[in-house]
Amino acid sequence: MPFEVGNTMFHVVNVYTKAAQYEPLSAESKFRLQKTGGQILSMLQH
């Protein structure tokens, strides 16, 4: 899985959403990664 290059919180969010696309993961794991990325993003918008 490639790394996300950068040093901002948006790069952190991208890591979570990209990781959720990793095929061997279960649906639950993918959901948790997407949810975590969304929670981080929502904190950044405030």
N, C-alpha and C. Protein backbone atom coordinates (compact mmCIF):
# COMPACT_ATOMS: atom_id res chain seq x y z
N MET A 1 0.85 -1.16 0.00
CA MET A 1 0.00 0.00 0.00
C MET A 1 0.91 1.24 0.00
N PRO A 2 0.68 2.18 -0.91
CA PRO A 2 1.54 3.35 -0.97
C PRO A 2 1.30 4.30 0.20
N PHE A 3 2.33 5.04 0.51
CA PHE A 3 2.25 6.03 1.57
C PHE A 3 1.68 7.33 1.01
N GLU A 4 1.05 8.10 1.85
CA GLU A 4 0.57 9.42 1.49
C GLU A 4 1.66 10.41 1.87
N VAL A 5 2.16 11.13 0.90
CA VAL A 5 3.25 12.07 1.14
C VAL A 5 2.66 13.43 1.52
N GLY A 6 3.14 13.97 2.59
CA GLY A 6 2.71 15.29 3.03
C GLY A 6 2.68 15.36 4.54
N ASN A 7 2.52 16.58 5.03
CA ASN A 7 2.57 16.76 6.48
C ASN A 7 1.38 17.56 7.01
N THR A 8 0.23 17.42 6.37
CA THR A 8 -0.96 18.10 6.86
C THR A 8 -1.98 17.06 7.35
N MET A 9 -2.97 17.52 8.06
CA MET A 9 -4.02 16.62 8.54
C MET A 9 -4.82 16.03 7.38
N PHE A 10 -4.89 16.76 6.27
CA PHE A 10 -5.60 16.21 5.11
C PHE A 10 -4.87 14.98 4.56
N HIS A 11 -3.56 14.96 4.68
CA HIS A 11 -2.80 13.77 4.27
C HIS A 11 -3.13 12.60 5.19
N VAL A 12 -3.32 12.89 6.47
CA VAL A 12 -3.70 11.84 7.43
C VAL A 12 -5.07 11.26 7.04
N VAL A 13 -6.02 12.14 6.73
CA VAL A 13 -7.35 11.69 6.31
C VAL A 13 -7.24 10.82 5.06
N ASN A 14 -6.42 11.22 4.11
CA ASN A 14 -6.24 10.45 2.88
C ASN A 14 -5.67 9.06 3.15
N VAL A 15 -4.80 8.94 4.13
CA VAL A 15 -4.24 7.63 4.48
C VAL A 15 -5.36 6.69 4.93
N TYR A 16 -6.26 7.19 5.77
CA TYR A 16 -7.37 6.36 6.25
C TYR A 16 -8.30 5.97 5.11
N THR A 17 -8.64 6.91 4.25
CA THR A 17 -9.58 6.58 3.18
C THR A 17 -8.94 5.67 2.13
N LYS A 18 -7.66 5.83 1.88
CA LYS A 18 -6.96 4.93 0.95
C LYS A 18 -6.83 3.53 1.55
N ALA A 19 -6.54 3.47 2.83
CA ALA A 19 -6.41 2.16 3.49
C ALA A 19 -7.72 1.40 3.44
N ALA A 20 -8.84 2.12 3.48
CA ALA A 20 -10.15 1.47 3.43
C ALA A 20 -10.41 0.79 2.09
N GLN A 21 -9.63 1.09 1.09
CA GLN A 21 -9.79 0.48 -0.24
C GLN A 21 -8.98 -0.81 -0.38
N TYR A 22 -8.22 -1.17 0.64
CA TYR A 22 -7.36 -2.36 0.61
C TYR A 22 -8.23 -3.61 0.62
N GLU A 23 -8.21 -4.36 -0.46
CA GLU A 23 -9.12 -5.50 -0.69
C GLU A 23 -9.17 -6.57 0.41
N PRO A 24 -8.03 -7.01 0.95
CA PRO A 24 -8.11 -8.09 1.94
C PRO A 24 -8.85 -7.74 3.24
N LEU A 25 -9.12 -6.47 3.48
CA LEU A 25 -9.79 -6.09 4.72
C LEU A 25 -11.26 -6.51 4.72
N SER A 26 -11.76 -6.77 5.90
CA SER A 26 -13.19 -7.09 6.04
C SER A 26 -14.00 -5.81 5.85
N ALA A 27 -15.28 -5.98 5.60
CA ALA A 27 -16.16 -4.82 5.44
C ALA A 27 -16.17 -3.98 6.71
N GLU A 28 -16.13 -4.64 7.86
CA GLU A 28 -16.13 -3.91 9.13
C GLU A 28 -14.87 -3.06 9.28
N SER A 29 -13.72 -3.61 8.91
CA SER A 29 -12.47 -2.86 9.00
C SER A 29 -12.47 -1.68 8.04
N LYS A 30 -12.97 -1.89 6.84
CA LYS A 30 -13.06 -0.80 5.86
C LYS A 30 -13.96 0.30 6.38
N PHE A 31 -15.09 -0.07 6.97
CA PHE A 31 -16.02 0.90 7.52
C PHE A 31 -15.36 1.71 8.64
N ARG A 32 -14.64 1.03 9.51
CA ARG A 32 -13.98 1.71 10.63
C ARG A 32 -12.94 2.71 10.13
N LEU A 33 -12.18 2.33 9.12
CA LEU A 33 -11.18 3.24 8.56
C LEU A 33 -11.85 4.46 7.94
N GLN A 34 -12.92 4.23 7.18
CA GLN A 34 -13.63 5.35 6.56
C GLN A 34 -14.24 6.26 7.62
N LYS A 35 -14.81 5.66 8.64
CA LYS A 35 -15.43 6.43 9.71
C LYS A 35 -14.38 7.27 10.45
N THR A 36 -13.23 6.69 10.73
CA THR A 36 -12.16 7.42 11.41
C THR A 36 -11.68 8.59 10.55
N GLY A 37 -11.49 8.35 9.27
CA GLY A 37 -11.10 9.44 8.36
C GLY A 37 -12.12 10.55 8.35
N GLY A 38 -13.39 10.18 8.35
CA GLY A 38 -14.46 11.17 8.37
C GLY A 38 -14.49 11.96 9.67
N GLN A 39 -14.22 11.29 10.78
CA GLN A 39 -14.20 11.97 12.08
C GLN A 39 -13.04 12.97 12.15
N ILE A 40 -11.90 12.58 11.63
CA ILE A 40 -10.76 13.49 11.61
C ILE A 40 -11.09 14.69 10.74
N LEU A 41 -11.66 14.45 9.57
CA LEU A 41 -12.01 15.54 8.67
C LEU A 41 -13.02 16.48 9.31
N SER A 42 -13.99 15.96 10.01
CA SER A 42 -15.00 16.82 10.64
C SER A 42 -14.37 17.70 11.72
N MET A 43 -13.33 17.22 12.38
CA MET A 43 -12.64 18.04 13.37
C MET A 43 -11.89 19.20 12.71
N LEU A 44 -11.43 18.97 11.49
CA LEU A 44 -10.66 20.00 10.79
C LEU A 44 -11.55 21.13 10.27
N GLN A 45 -12.80 20.86 10.07
CA GLN A 45 -13.70 21.86 9.50
C GLN A 45 -14.21 22.85 10.52
N HIS A 46 -13.91 22.66 11.80
CA HIS A 46 -14.41 23.55 12.85
C HIS A 46 -13.46 24.66 13.16
